[in-house]
Amino acid sequence: MAKYTRDRIKLLDWTESNREIEDQAKHNFTSTDYNFKLCNQAHPNRQIFPPKKPQFSDFYQPSEEQKQGELLFVSGGALALCYASFRFL
């Protein structure tokens, strides 16, 4: 029983420390944008701009054929679900 308790406490400590690290990383990321803003206010002759935030469209550009296929797949799945629900429920 003592080993279980010791291992449980060790696991809880580990998860809590990881949560604190994630919170600090999130804070650092948001404060970085704020730091850019403050730096630009303090030094208006040397403007520093952060890189633009990535958008999903930067990485994924579906073709028209792909869009049509996705619409057919979704609508076909919805029709099949409706049929199954009315037939078996």
C-alpha atoms as a PDB file:
ATOM      1  CA  MET A   1       0.000   0.000   0.000  1.00  0.00           C
ATOM      2  CA  ALA A   2       2.827   2.407   0.778  1.00  0.00           C
ATOM      3  CA  LYS A   3       4.371   1.862  -2.673  1.00  0.00           C
ATOM      4  CA  TYR A   4       1.028   2.603  -4.335  1.00  0.00           C
ATOM      5  CA  THR A   5       0.636   5.826  -2.345  1.00  0.00           C
ATOM      6  CA  ARG A   6       4.210   6.898  -3.092  1.00  0.00           C
ATOM      7  CA  ASP A   7       3.768   6.212  -6.826  1.00  0.00           C
ATOM      8  CA  ARG A   8       0.414   7.991  -6.857  1.00  0.00           C
ATOM      9  CA  ILE A   9       1.882  11.082  -5.189  1.00  0.00           C
ATOM     10  CA  LYS A  10       4.811  11.019  -7.622  1.00  0.00           C
ATOM     11  CA  LEU A  11       2.403  10.878 -10.578  1.00  0.00           C
ATOM     12  CA  LEU A  12       0.251  13.705  -9.205  1.00  0.00           C
ATOM     13  CA  ASP A  13       3.360  15.844  -8.642  1.00  0.00           C
ATOM     14  CA  TRP A  14       4.530  15.133 -12.193  1.00  0.00           C
ATOM     15  CA  THR A  15       1.179  16.080 -13.755  1.00  0.00           C
ATOM     16  CA  GLU A  16       0.991  19.260 -11.664  1.00  0.00           C
ATOM     17  CA  SER A  17       4.506  20.320 -12.635  1.00  0.00           C
ATOM     18  CA  ASN A  18       3.701  19.678 -16.327  1.00  0.00           C
ATOM     19  CA  ARG A  19       0.540  21.763 -16.001  1.00  0.00           C
ATOM     20  CA  GLU A  20       2.563  24.617 -14.500  1.00  0.00           C
ATOM     21  CA  ILE A  21       5.098  24.373 -17.352  1.00  0.00           C
ATOM     22  CA  GLU A  22       2.291  24.481 -19.945  1.00  0.00           C
ATOM     23  CA  ASP A  23       0.697  27.488 -18.248  1.00  0.00           C
ATOM     24  CA  GLN A  24       4.044  29.293 -18.167  1.00  0.00           C
ATOM     25  CA  ALA A  25       4.658  28.496 -21.857  1.00  0.00           C
ATOM     26  CA  LYS A  26       1.209  29.844 -22.767  1.00  0.00           C
ATOM     27  CA  HIS A  27       1.881  32.999 -20.760  1.00  0.00           C
ATOM     28  CA  ASN A  28       5.299  33.452 -22.380  1.00  0.00           C
ATOM     29  CA  PHE A  29       3.784  33.079 -25.845  1.00  0.00           C
ATOM     30  CA  THR A  30       1.110  35.700 -25.250  1.00  0.00           C
ATOM     31  CA  SER A  31       3.515  38.039 -23.484  1.00  0.00           C
ATOM     32  CA  THR A  32       5.881  37.784 -26.466  1.00  0.00           C
ATOM     33  CA  ASP A  33       3.269  39.468 -28.675  1.00  0.00           C
ATOM     34  CA  TYR A  34       2.807  42.115 -26.003  1.00  0.00           C
ATOM     35  CA  ASN A  35       6.586  42.586 -25.788  1.00  0.00           C
ATOM     36  CA  PHE A  36       6.742  43.251 -29.532  1.00  0.00           C
ATOM     37  CA  LYS A  37       4.083  45.925 -29.082  1.00  0.00           C
ATOM     38  CA  LEU A  38       5.932  47.561 -26.177  1.00  0.00           C
ATOM     39  CA  CYS A  39       9.239  47.460 -28.045  1.00  0.00           C
ATOM     40  CA  ASN A  40       7.648  49.159 -31.057  1.00  0.00           C
ATOM     41  CA  GLN A  41       6.212  51.862 -28.804  1.00  0.00           C
ATOM     42  CA  ALA A  42       9.581  52.441 -27.126  1.00  0.00           C
ATOM     43  CA  HIS A  43      11.546  52.460 -30.404  1.00  0.00           C
ATOM     44  CA  PRO A  44       9.286  53.871 -33.118  1.00  0.00           C
ATOM     45  CA  ASN A  45      12.202  54.275 -35.536  1.00  0.00           C
ATOM     46  CA  ARG A  46      13.014  50.533 -35.403  1.00  0.00           C
ATOM     47  CA  GLN A  47       9.743  48.673 -35.822  1.00  0.00           C
ATOM     48  CA  ILE A  48       9.820  44.936 -35.142  1.00  0.00           C
ATOM     49  CA  PHE A  49       6.929  42.853 -36.376  1.00  0.00           C
ATOM     50  CA  PRO A  50       6.189  39.312 -35.202  1.00  0.00           C
ATOM     51  CA  PRO A  51       5.687  36.713 -37.913  1.00  0.00           C
ATOM     52  CA  LYS A  52       2.105  36.389 -39.091  1.00  0.00           C
ATOM     53  CA  LYS A  53       0.030  33.753 -37.395  1.00  0.00           C
ATOM     54  CA  PRO A  54      -0.429  30.670 -39.567  1.00  0.00           C
ATOM     55  CA  GLN A  55      -3.828  30.008 -41.080  1.00  0.00           C
ATOM     56  CA  PHE A  56      -5.231  26.623 -42.018  1.00  0.00           C
ATOM     57  CA  SER A  57      -5.421  27.737 -45.652  1.00  0.00           C
ATOM     58  CA  ASP A  58      -1.622  28.174 -45.660  1.00  0.00           C
ATOM     59  CA  PHE A  59      -1.244  24.406 -45.387  1.00  0.00           C
ATOM     60  CA  TYR A  60      -4.357  22.931 -47.009  1.00  0.00           C
ATOM     61  CA  GLN A  61      -5.788  24.017 -50.362  1.00  0.00           C
ATOM     62  CA  PRO A  62      -8.412  21.503 -51.507  1.00  0.00           C
ATOM     63  CA  SER A  63      -9.341  21.298 -55.158  1.00  0.00           C
ATOM     64  CA  GLU A  64     -12.930  21.700 -56.351  1.00  0.00           C
ATOM     65  CA  GLU A  65     -13.130  17.963 -56.984  1.00  0.00           C
ATOM     66  CA  GLN A  66     -12.001  17.288 -53.418  1.00  0.00           C
ATOM     67  CA  LYS A  67     -14.604  19.716 -52.032  1.00  0.00           C
ATOM     68  CA  GLN A  68     -17.370  18.017 -54.020  1.00  0.00           C
ATOM     69  CA  GLY A  69     -16.220  14.605 -52.815  1.00  0.00           C
ATOM     70  CA  GLU A  70     -16.257  15.762 -49.201  1.00  0.00           C
ATOM     71  CA  LEU A  71     -19.763  17.193 -49.598  1.00  0.00           C
ATOM     72  CA  LEU A  72     -20.998  13.935 -51.152  1.00  0.00           C
ATOM     73  CA  PHE A  73     -19.402  11.912 -48.367  1.00  0.00           C
ATOM     74  CA  VAL A  74     -20.947  14.038 -45.617  1.00  0.00           C
ATOM     75  CA  SER A  75     -24.400  14.173 -47.185  1.00  0.00           C
ATOM     76  CA  GLY A  76     -24.330  10.429 -47.919  1.00  0.00           C
ATOM     77  CA  GLY A  77     -23.364   9.724 -44.317  1.00  0.00           C
ATOM     78  CA  ALA A  78     -26.160  11.962 -43.047  1.00  0.00           C
ATOM     79  CA  LEU A  79     -28.706  10.189 -45.267  1.00  0.00           C
ATOM     80  CA  ALA A  80     -27.473   6.785 -44.120  1.00  0.00           C
ATOM     81  CA  LEU A  81     -27.723   7.873 -40.492  1.00  0.00           C
ATOM     82  CA  CYS A  82     -31.270   9.171 -41.004  1.00  0.00           C
ATOM     83  CA  TYR A  83     -32.305   5.940 -42.706  1.00  0.00           C
ATOM     84  CA  ALA A  84     -30.741   3.793 -39.990  1.00  0.00           C
ATOM     85  CA  SER A  85     -32.316   5.832 -37.208  1.00  0.00           C
ATOM     86  CA  PHE A  86     -35.821   5.708 -38.708  1.00  0.00           C
ATOM     87  CA  ARG A  87     -35.506   2.049 -39.691  1.00  0.00           C
ATOM     88  CA  PHE A  88     -34.087   0.618 -36.462  1.00  0.00           C
ATOM     89  CA  LEU A  89     -35.231   3.011 -33.735  1.00  0.00           C
END
